[in-house]
Structures are given as structure tokens and as C-alpha cells.
Amino acid sequence: MKRIETIKKIIDCGVVAVIRAESKEEGIKIIDAVKNGGIKALEITMTVPGAVDVIKEISEMYKHEDLIIGAGTVLDSETARACILAGAKYIVSPYLDLDTVKLCNRYRIPVMPGIMTVKEAVEALEYGVEILKVFPGNAYGPAIIKSFKGPIPQGNFMPTGGVNLDNIKDWIKSGAVAVGTGSDLTKGAKTGDYELVTKTAAKFVEEVRKARADI
């Protein structure tokens, strides 16, 4: 049941915040800012120094809050296992690695692998993937979701890469169940303006809500 609940929460929120930072301290500041903006799904990438320790720490810090802490840029099943043990509630990968998918299925943890073709999408579905990460989204544009939905109407697609406030409506209206966004969301952190990160997060949540209302 927890797996289903996690997937439902990600889809309900509609935005996964991709957290990249130069240090654990910066990462936690970004997490707080994004959380305050109303985004409940946080993806801590393995490019963050000490990422597994960060996941463990924030999973403990926010265990009583309505947040879903996941791990991103997971390249193999060994890393996925370490992240799950640290408290990650879902795993995101930039590509389709079947060993990672199988491991996550074994522990009933949602996994969102990156796909670029219909063949990869169908293969991921056959292995039980609930949400297909369209990556890199900026290599396609929102129209790719409609193209995928033609032969695979049962697929749940989440674009990551190139999703911003200007095009998020187009992605949602094209059929995306959620979006992943990183640099466009957290750019304020580069100058220490975490209030801007919070405001940007709130705008992303609002744009998803308005786009869904228009469908």
C-alpha cells in the first residue's frame, strides 16, 4: 500500500523538486525553501556530496511532515539499495536499468526510470514501472507526451529537464501526470536567495493546478 500511496502523492502534487547542491548544508536550505513553497516530493540527486547521508538525515528530520523524500540520478541497483536503506521513498534514474527496477520492485519502492523511446517505455511498463520519466525533456518538448500517449495511452509520463514556468502548462495539458524540475526551480539558491526558491516553488504548484483545471 505504501508504494501506491507514494505514487498517488507524487501525482497529486504534480511537481518533483530535483535538488542539486554543492554541500549538504546548501541542500537542506534548498529543501526547506522548496517545502515552504508547497512542493511535497523532493528528489535528492546522487551528485549532492554525501547524498545518501543527506537522505538519511532529512528523512529523519521530516518524518512527521507530509513530505516524500526520494533519490535521483541513481545509476545502479547498489546505489538504489543504499538510498532505500537511508529512507528514500522512491528512486529516479536517468535511464532504464532493469536491475534497478527489479530491486525496487522487490522492496515495493516506486522507481521512475528515464526513457527516450516507445520501446523503452513499453519495456519499463512490462517490469511494473508506474511513472515513466521522459528525459531529457528539453530534447523533445511537450508534444512528445502526446506522441507517447498515442501507442501507450496507459503510460504515466513525467518529463524532467527543461521544464519551467513558461512551459509547464503545455506539459500538463499534453498529458504529463507530473513534472520534475531542478535548476529553474532552485536558481535563487545560487545567490543565497532562498525566499525566491520558495516563491518559485509556489508558482510551480499553482501552474500545475491551473493547467489541470483547464483540461
C-alpha atoms as a PDB file:
ATOM      1  CA  MET A   1       0.000   0.000   0.000  1.00  0.00           C
ATOM      2  CA  LYS A   2       2.835   2.425   0.798  1.00  0.00           C
ATOM      3  CA  ARG A   3       4.083   2.178  -2.788  1.00  0.00           C
ATOM      4  CA  ILE A   4       0.666   3.121  -4.167  1.00  0.00           C
ATOM      5  CA  GLU A   5       0.329   5.951  -1.647  1.00  0.00           C
ATOM      6  CA  THR A   6       3.720   7.368  -2.651  1.00  0.00           C
ATOM      7  CA  ILE A   7       2.837   7.326  -6.335  1.00  0.00           C
ATOM      8  CA  LYS A   8      -0.510   8.970  -5.602  1.00  0.00           C
ATOM      9  CA  LYS A   9       1.151  11.739  -3.567  1.00  0.00           C
ATOM     10  CA  ILE A  10       3.632  12.470  -6.368  1.00  0.00           C
ATOM     11  CA  ILE A  11       0.848  12.682  -8.938  1.00  0.00           C
ATOM     12  CA  ASP A  12      -1.410  14.734  -6.639  1.00  0.00           C
ATOM     13  CA  CYS A  13       1.339  17.307  -6.043  1.00  0.00           C
ATOM     14  CA  GLY A  14       2.346  17.264  -9.709  1.00  0.00           C
ATOM     15  CA  VAL A  15       5.854  18.605  -9.135  1.00  0.00           C
ATOM     16  CA  VAL A  16       9.023  16.756  -8.124  1.00  0.00           C
ATOM     17  CA  ALA A  17      11.762  19.125  -6.965  1.00  0.00           C
ATOM     18  CA  VAL A  18      15.151  17.939  -8.193  1.00  0.00           C
ATOM     19  CA  ILE A  19      17.651  19.009  -5.508  1.00  0.00           C
ATOM     20  CA  ARG A  20      21.259  19.573  -6.558  1.00  0.00           C
ATOM     21  CA  ALA A  21      23.659  21.383  -4.260  1.00  0.00           C
ATOM     22  CA  GLU A  22      27.359  21.901  -3.609  1.00  0.00           C
ATOM     23  CA  SER A  23      27.097  20.795   0.019  1.00  0.00           C
ATOM     24  CA  LYS A  24      24.778  19.095   2.494  1.00  0.00           C
ATOM     25  CA  GLU A  25      24.138  22.414   4.220  1.00  0.00           C
ATOM     26  CA  GLU A  26      23.073  24.095   0.982  1.00  0.00           C
ATOM     27  CA  GLY A  27      20.926  21.096   0.116  1.00  0.00           C
ATOM     28  CA  ILE A  28      18.998  21.327   3.387  1.00  0.00           C
ATOM     29  CA  LYS A  29      18.404  25.066   2.866  1.00  0.00           C
ATOM     30  CA  ILE A  30      17.019  24.365  -0.613  1.00  0.00           C
ATOM     31  CA  ILE A  31      14.828  21.569   0.753  1.00  0.00           C
ATOM     32  CA  ASP A  32      13.345  23.881   3.393  1.00  0.00           C
ATOM     33  CA  ALA A  33      12.696  26.589   0.805  1.00  0.00           C
ATOM     34  CA  VAL A  34      11.018  24.198  -1.636  1.00  0.00           C
ATOM     35  CA  LYS A  35       8.949  22.632   1.145  1.00  0.00           C
ATOM     36  CA  ASN A  36       7.758  26.056   2.260  1.00  0.00           C
ATOM     37  CA  GLY A  37       6.607  26.691  -1.311  1.00  0.00           C
ATOM     38  CA  GLY A  38       4.280  23.697  -1.195  1.00  0.00           C
ATOM     39  CA  ILE A  39       6.200  21.044  -3.144  1.00  0.00           C
ATOM     40  CA  LYS A  40       5.981  17.761  -1.262  1.00  0.00           C
ATOM     41  CA  ALA A  41       8.061  15.464  -3.490  1.00  0.00           C
ATOM     42  CA  LEU A  42      11.806  16.023  -3.176  1.00  0.00           C
ATOM     43  CA  GLU A  43      14.420  14.209  -5.226  1.00  0.00           C
ATOM     44  CA  ILE A  44      17.926  14.314  -3.721  1.00  0.00           C
ATOM     45  CA  THR A  45      20.363  13.604  -6.544  1.00  0.00           C
ATOM     46  CA  MET A  46      23.417  11.446  -6.098  1.00  0.00           C
ATOM     47  CA  THR A  47      25.501  14.380  -7.340  1.00  0.00           C
ATOM     48  CA  VAL A  48      24.991  16.123  -3.977  1.00  0.00           C
ATOM     49  CA  PRO A  49      28.067  15.500  -1.767  1.00  0.00           C
ATOM     50  CA  GLY A  50      27.186  12.826   0.799  1.00  0.00           C
ATOM     51  CA  ALA A  51      23.787  12.355  -0.861  1.00  0.00           C
ATOM     52  CA  VAL A  52      22.923   9.104   0.924  1.00  0.00           C
ATOM     53  CA  ASP A  53      23.706  10.696   4.303  1.00  0.00           C
ATOM     54  CA  VAL A  54      21.602  13.724   3.329  1.00  0.00           C
ATOM     55  CA  ILE A  55      18.657  11.434   2.506  1.00  0.00           C
ATOM     56  CA  LYS A  56      19.045   9.676   5.847  1.00  0.00           C
ATOM     57  CA  GLU A  57      19.258  12.956   7.763  1.00  0.00           C
ATOM     58  CA  ILE A  58      16.313  14.713   6.131  1.00  0.00           C
ATOM     59  CA  SER A  59      14.164  11.570   6.202  1.00  0.00           C
ATOM     60  CA  GLU A  60      14.601  11.652   9.980  1.00  0.00           C
ATOM     61  CA  MET A  61      14.182  15.441  10.213  1.00  0.00           C
ATOM     62  CA  TYR A  62      10.921  15.491   8.284  1.00  0.00           C
ATOM     63  CA  LYS A  63       9.449  12.126   9.259  1.00  0.00           C
ATOM     64  CA  HIS A  64       6.427  13.782  10.856  1.00  0.00           C
ATOM     65  CA  GLU A  65       5.757  16.065   7.875  1.00  0.00           C
ATOM     66  CA  ASP A  66       3.849  15.328   4.685  1.00  0.00           C
ATOM     67  CA  LEU A  67       6.965  15.067   2.515  1.00  0.00           C
ATOM     68  CA  ILE A  68       8.161  12.343   0.149  1.00  0.00           C
ATOM     69  CA  ILE A  69      11.949  12.089   0.058  1.00  0.00           C
ATOM     70  CA  GLY A  70      13.371  10.266  -2.942  1.00  0.00           C
ATOM     71  CA  ALA A  71      16.741   9.676  -4.577  1.00  0.00           C
ATOM     72  CA  GLY A  72      17.677  10.815  -8.074  1.00  0.00           C
ATOM     73  CA  THR A  73      20.465  10.256 -10.602  1.00  0.00           C
ATOM     74  CA  VAL A  74      20.576   6.655  -9.373  1.00  0.00           C
ATOM     75  CA  LEU A  75      22.682   4.742 -11.886  1.00  0.00           C
ATOM     76  CA  ASP A  76      22.650   1.210 -10.479  1.00  0.00           C
ATOM     77  CA  SER A  77      20.882  -1.166  -8.133  1.00  0.00           C
ATOM     78  CA  GLU A  78      23.604  -0.949  -5.480  1.00  0.00           C
ATOM     79  CA  THR A  79      23.053   2.790  -5.117  1.00  0.00           C
ATOM     80  CA  ALA A  80      19.284   2.297  -5.128  1.00  0.00           C
ATOM     81  CA  ARG A  81      19.576  -0.201  -2.259  1.00  0.00           C
ATOM     82  CA  ALA A  82      21.744   2.204  -0.232  1.00  0.00           C
ATOM     83  CA  CYS A  83      19.238   5.010  -0.778  1.00  0.00           C
ATOM     84  CA  ILE A  84      16.290   2.834   0.236  1.00  0.00           C
ATOM     85  CA  LEU A  85      18.084   1.822   3.432  1.00  0.00           C
ATOM     86  CA  ALA A  86      18.719   5.520   4.110  1.00  0.00           C
ATOM     87  CA  GLY A  87      14.988   6.220   3.874  1.00  0.00           C
ATOM     88  CA  ALA A  88      14.315   7.091   0.213  1.00  0.00           C
ATOM     89  CA  LYS A  89      10.648   6.533  -0.624  1.00  0.00           C
ATOM     90  CA  TYR A  90      11.189   6.434  -4.384  1.00  0.00           C
ATOM     91  CA  ILE A  91      14.043   6.083  -6.856  1.00  0.00           C
ATOM     92  CA  VAL A  92      14.625   8.115 -10.011  1.00  0.00           C
ATOM     93  CA  SER A  93      17.122   7.151 -12.697  1.00  0.00           C
ATOM     94  CA  PRO A  94      18.199   8.965 -15.884  1.00  0.00           C
ATOM     95  CA  TYR A  95      17.881   5.726 -17.869  1.00  0.00           C
ATOM     96  CA  LEU A  96      16.183   2.338 -17.839  1.00  0.00           C
ATOM     97  CA  ASP A  97      18.290  -0.081 -15.802  1.00  0.00           C
ATOM     98  CA  LEU A  98      16.349  -3.300 -15.300  1.00  0.00           C
ATOM     99  CA  ASP A  99      18.381  -4.430 -12.289  1.00  0.00           C
ATOM    100  CA  THR A 100      17.442  -1.209 -10.502  1.00  0.00           C
ATOM    101  CA  VAL A 101      13.786  -1.634 -11.453  1.00  0.00           C
ATOM    102  CA  LYS A 102      13.753  -5.220 -10.189  1.00  0.00           C
ATOM    103  CA  LEU A 103      15.401  -4.278  -6.910  1.00  0.00           C
ATOM    104  CA  CYS A 104      12.879  -1.506  -6.292  1.00  0.00           C
ATOM    105  CA  ASN A 105      10.010  -3.870  -7.105  1.00  0.00           C
ATOM    106  CA  ARG A 106      11.453  -6.352  -4.629  1.00  0.00           C
ATOM    107  CA  TYR A 107      11.160  -3.792  -1.839  1.00  0.00           C
ATOM    108  CA  ARG A 108       7.916  -2.227  -3.123  1.00  0.00           C
ATOM    109  CA  ILE A 109       9.585   1.128  -3.747  1.00  0.00           C
ATOM    110  CA  PRO A 110       8.383   3.202  -6.738  1.00  0.00           C
ATOM    111  CA  VAL A 111      11.022   3.654  -9.422  1.00  0.00           C
ATOM    112  CA  MET A 112      10.947   6.216 -12.232  1.00  0.00           C
ATOM    113  CA  PRO A 113      13.497   5.367 -14.917  1.00  0.00           C
ATOM    114  CA  GLY A 114      14.354   7.697 -17.777  1.00  0.00           C
ATOM    115  CA  ILE A 115      13.003   6.659 -21.163  1.00  0.00           C
ATOM    116  CA  MET A 116      13.543   8.132 -24.630  1.00  0.00           C
ATOM    117  CA  THR A 117      11.736   5.713 -26.933  1.00  0.00           C
ATOM    118  CA  VAL A 118       8.476   3.800 -27.177  1.00  0.00           C
ATOM    119  CA  LYS A 119      10.466   0.564 -26.899  1.00  0.00           C
ATOM    120  CA  GLU A 120      11.985   1.665 -23.581  1.00  0.00           C
ATOM    121  CA  ALA A 121       8.600   2.854 -22.331  1.00  0.00           C
ATOM    122  CA  VAL A 122       6.918  -0.476 -23.110  1.00  0.00           C
ATOM    123  CA  GLU A 123       9.797  -2.433 -21.564  1.00  0.00           C
ATOM    124  CA  ALA A 124       9.580  -0.343 -18.390  1.00  0.00           C
ATOM    125  CA  LEU A 125       5.822  -0.939 -18.197  1.00  0.00           C
ATOM    126  CA  GLU A 126       6.375  -4.675 -18.574  1.00  0.00           C
ATOM    127  CA  TYR A 127       8.605  -4.539 -15.487  1.00  0.00           C
ATOM    128  CA  GLY A 128       5.950  -2.751 -13.468  1.00  0.00           C
ATOM    129  CA  VAL A 129       7.094   0.869 -13.672  1.00  0.00           C
ATOM    130  CA  GLU A 130       4.235   3.203 -12.675  1.00  0.00           C
ATOM    131  CA  ILE A 131       5.693   6.558 -13.764  1.00  0.00           C
ATOM    132  CA  LEU A 132       7.923   6.909 -16.823  1.00  0.00           C
ATOM    133  CA  LYS A 133      10.454   9.723 -16.663  1.00  0.00           C
ATOM    134  CA  VAL A 134      10.758  11.409 -20.074  1.00  0.00           C
ATOM    135  CA  PHE A 135      14.384  12.523 -20.060  1.00  0.00           C
ATOM    136  CA  PRO A 136      15.797  14.832 -21.194  1.00  0.00           C
ATOM    137  CA  GLY A 137      12.519  16.673 -21.718  1.00  0.00           C
ATOM    138  CA  ASN A 138      14.164  19.641 -23.420  1.00  0.00           C
ATOM    139  CA  ALA A 139      15.317  17.348 -26.219  1.00  0.00           C
ATOM    140  CA  TYR A 140      11.671  16.790 -27.158  1.00  0.00           C
ATOM    141  CA  GLY A 141       9.230  19.412 -25.924  1.00  0.00           C
ATOM    142  CA  PRO A 142       5.687  18.840 -24.596  1.00  0.00           C
ATOM    143  CA  ALA A 143       4.437  17.341 -27.865  1.00  0.00           C
ATOM    144  CA  ILE A 144       6.386  14.141 -27.124  1.00  0.00           C
ATOM    145  CA  ILE A 145       3.898  13.228 -24.379  1.00  0.00           C
ATOM    146  CA  LYS A 146       1.045  13.178 -26.903  1.00  0.00           C
ATOM    147  CA  SER A 147       3.214  11.113 -29.221  1.00  0.00           C
ATOM    148  CA  PHE A 148       3.896   8.556 -26.487  1.00  0.00           C
ATOM    149  CA  LYS A 149       0.250   8.567 -25.433  1.00  0.00           C
ATOM    150  CA  GLY A 150      -0.796   7.506 -28.946  1.00  0.00           C
ATOM    151  CA  PRO A 151       0.527   3.928 -28.767  1.00  0.00           C
ATOM    152  CA  ILE A 152       0.793   3.868 -24.945  1.00  0.00           C
ATOM    153  CA  PRO A 153      -2.312   5.592 -23.528  1.00  0.00           C
ATOM    154  CA  GLN A 154      -1.912   3.643 -20.279  1.00  0.00           C
ATOM    155  CA  GLY A 155       1.502   5.193 -19.555  1.00  0.00           C
ATOM    156  CA  ASN A 156       2.056   7.796 -16.844  1.00  0.00           C
ATOM    157  CA  PHE A 157       4.716  10.215 -18.091  1.00  0.00           C
ATOM    158  CA  MET A 158       6.796  12.706 -16.100  1.00  0.00           C
ATOM    159  CA  PRO A 159       9.141  14.991 -18.064  1.00  0.00           C
ATOM    160  CA  THR A 160      12.343  16.224 -16.443  1.00  0.00           C
ATOM    161  CA  GLY A 161      14.839  18.611 -17.978  1.00  0.00           C
ATOM    162  CA  GLY A 162      13.794  21.908 -19.495  1.00  0.00           C
ATOM    163  CA  VAL A 163      10.530  22.170 -17.547  1.00  0.00           C
ATOM    164  CA  ASN A 164       9.958  25.761 -16.450  1.00  0.00           C
ATOM    165  CA  LEU A 165       7.160  28.169 -15.537  1.00  0.00           C
ATOM    166  CA  ASP A 166       6.727  29.171 -19.171  1.00  0.00           C
ATOM    167  CA  ASN A 167       6.045  25.671 -20.488  1.00  0.00           C
ATOM    168  CA  ILE A 168       4.750  23.679 -17.513  1.00  0.00           C
ATOM    169  CA  LYS A 169       1.134  24.214 -18.608  1.00  0.00           C
ATOM    170  CA  ASP A 170       1.964  22.750 -22.017  1.00  0.00           C
ATOM    171  CA  TRP A 171       3.487  19.650 -20.419  1.00  0.00           C
ATOM    172  CA  ILE A 172       0.464  19.063 -18.180  1.00  0.00           C
ATOM    173  CA  LYS A 173      -2.035  19.702 -20.968  1.00  0.00           C
ATOM    174  CA  SER A 174      -0.107  17.293 -23.188  1.00  0.00           C
ATOM    175  CA  GLY A 175      -0.774  14.540 -20.668  1.00  0.00           C
ATOM    176  CA  ALA A 176       2.094  14.595 -18.146  1.00  0.00           C
ATOM    177  CA  VAL A 177       0.947  13.321 -14.727  1.00  0.00           C
ATOM    178  CA  ALA A 178       3.715  15.306 -13.026  1.00  0.00           C
ATOM    179  CA  VAL A 179       6.917  17.174 -13.881  1.00  0.00           C
ATOM    180  CA  GLY A 180      10.422  17.148 -12.494  1.00  0.00           C
ATOM    181  CA  THR A 181      12.244  20.463 -12.264  1.00  0.00           C
ATOM    182  CA  GLY A 182      15.606  21.472 -10.864  1.00  0.00           C
ATOM    183  CA  SER A 183      17.635  24.476 -11.965  1.00  0.00           C
ATOM    184  CA  ASP A 184      14.614  26.575 -12.965  1.00  0.00           C
ATOM    185  CA  LEU A 185      13.148  25.974  -9.523  1.00  0.00           C
ATOM    186  CA  THR A 186      16.232  26.432  -7.365  1.00  0.00           C
ATOM    187  CA  LYS A 187      18.163  29.139  -9.251  1.00  0.00           C
ATOM    188  CA  GLY A 188      17.687  31.555  -6.360  1.00  0.00           C
ATOM    189  CA  ALA A 189      19.923  29.343  -4.215  1.00  0.00           C
ATOM    190  CA  LYS A 190      22.939  30.308  -6.341  1.00  0.00           C
ATOM    191  CA  THR A 191      22.816  33.793  -4.840  1.00  0.00           C
ATOM    192  CA  GLY A 192      21.546  32.699  -1.437  1.00  0.00           C
ATOM    193  CA  ASP A 193      18.036  33.935  -2.193  1.00  0.00           C
ATOM    194  CA  TYR A 194      16.070  31.073  -0.681  1.00  0.00           C
ATOM    195  CA  GLU A 195      12.948  33.213  -0.468  1.00  0.00           C
ATOM    196  CA  LEU A 196      12.966  33.268  -4.268  1.00  0.00           C
ATOM    197  CA  VAL A 197      13.167  29.464  -4.260  1.00  0.00           C
ATOM    198  CA  THR A 198      10.079  29.335  -2.045  1.00  0.00           C
ATOM    199  CA  LYS A 199       8.177  31.772  -4.268  1.00  0.00           C
ATOM    200  CA  THR A 200       9.179  29.846  -7.403  1.00  0.00           C
ATOM    201  CA  ALA A 201       8.072  26.550  -5.847  1.00  0.00           C
ATOM    202  CA  ALA A 202       4.677  28.059  -5.038  1.00  0.00           C
ATOM    203  CA  LYS A 203       4.349  29.261  -8.634  1.00  0.00           C
ATOM    204  CA  PHE A 204       5.101  25.777  -9.983  1.00  0.00           C
ATOM    205  CA  VAL A 205       2.418  24.245  -7.764  1.00  0.00           C
ATOM    206  CA  GLU A 206      -0.076  26.909  -8.810  1.00  0.00           C
ATOM    207  CA  GLU A 207       0.679  26.484 -12.529  1.00  0.00           C
ATOM    208  CA  VAL A 208       0.064  22.736 -12.294  1.00  0.00           C
ATOM    209  CA  ARG A 209      -3.239  23.371 -10.512  1.00  0.00           C
ATOM    210  CA  LYS A 210      -4.383  25.878 -13.147  1.00  0.00           C
ATOM    211  CA  ALA A 211      -3.305  23.672 -16.048  1.00  0.00           C
ATOM    212  CA  ARG A 212      -5.228  20.711 -14.649  1.00  0.00           C
ATOM    213  CA  ALA A 213      -8.300  22.889 -14.135  1.00  0.00           C
ATOM    214  CA  ASP A 214      -8.184  23.862 -17.816  1.00  0.00           C
ATOM    215  CA  ILE A 215      -8.053  20.288 -19.108  1.00  0.00           C
END
